[in-house]
Amino acid sequence: MKLSSIADLPAPPLKRDMIQPPPMFKIAKYVVYDILRNRFVLAYTLFLLIVSMSFFNLESDAVKGMMSLLNIILIVLPLVSIVFATIHLYNSYEFMELMLAQPLRRSDIFLGEYIGMAISLCIAYTIGVGIPVLLYDGSARGGILVICGLMLTLAFVSLAFLATVLARDKARGIGIALLLWFFCTILYDGLVLMGMFAFSDYPLEKAVIGLAFLNPVDLARIAMLMQLDAAALMGYTGALFQYFFGSGMGAALSFAAMLLWIVLPLWLAVRVFNKKDI
C-alpha cells in the first residue's frame, strides 16, 4: 500500500503512561486516603449515622425526622468541617513544604489539599446523613436536604482554608475558625433579630431577604425549611421566604449564593497562599 503523505501514516497508539492526571488530583487522592483513615473522621461518620437512624426510627413521619436532623446539620456539620479542616491543614504544612520543593505550582498543591479534604468530609456526610435520608425519604425533598448539607460542608472547608492562610500561628487560626463558626451559626441570627426589632417601624422585607444571602448557614436553613413545609411555623417572615425562595428565581439566586460562599473564600485563600512564605 502506497501512502500519499505523512498525514496518511497511522497514529501511534497512546500509552497509559502518557495520560497523567493533573498534580492537584494526585495530591487530592493522597489526602483522601490519609483522612479517611483518621479515627476522628470515622467517629464523625458513625455519629452522624447513629443520630440520623435514631431520628428516623423514633419518628413515624420522615419529615419530622428530617426536622430533628436539621439542627444537627446546621450546627455540628459546620463546626466539624471548619475545625477539622483548619487543624489538618496546619498539620499538613510539612507535606506542603516537601511538595513545594518539587516542580509544582503552589495553587495545585493548595487546591489538591482542598479537594481531598472536601471529598473526605462529603463522603462522611453522605454515609452518615445522605444514605439514611434517601432511604427513608427518596423524594426531591430528601435530595435537596442532602445537597444543602454537602454545599454547607464545602463552604466551611473553604472558610477553614482561608482562616489557616491568614494566620501563621495554629492557635490563632483555630480561634479564627471557631469565631467564624460562632458568628454564622449563633451570633448572626441574634444580630438580625435585634436589627428587626430596632427598625420594626420600617419596611424590612427586602433587607431581611438580602441579609439571608450573607450567611451560608441561613441559606441552607431556609432552603431546607422550604422543602419541609415549615415556613408556616415562621409567621410573616416564613411567608416572605416562601414567596421569594420558593420561586424559581429565588432558588437559583440562593444556589448561586451558596456557590459564591464556596468559591470566593477558596479563591482568596489561594491568592494569599501563593504570596505566603511558609
Foldseek 3Di string as FASTA:
>chain_A
DDDPDPVPDDDDDDDPVVDDDDLLQVLLVVLLVVVLPDPVLVVLLVVLQVLLVVLPVVDPDLLRSVVVCLVCLLQVLLLCLQLVLLVVVLVCVVVLVVVVVDPDASLSNLSSSLNNSLVNSLVSLCNRHVVSLCVRPVDVLSVLLSVLSSLSSLLSSLVNLLLNLVDVDSVSSSVVSVVLSCCQRPVVVVVVVVVCVVPVVDDCLVVVLVSCLVHSSSLSVLSNCLSSVVLVVVPPNSVSSCVQCVDPVNVVVSVVSSVCSNPVSNVVSSVSSSVDDD
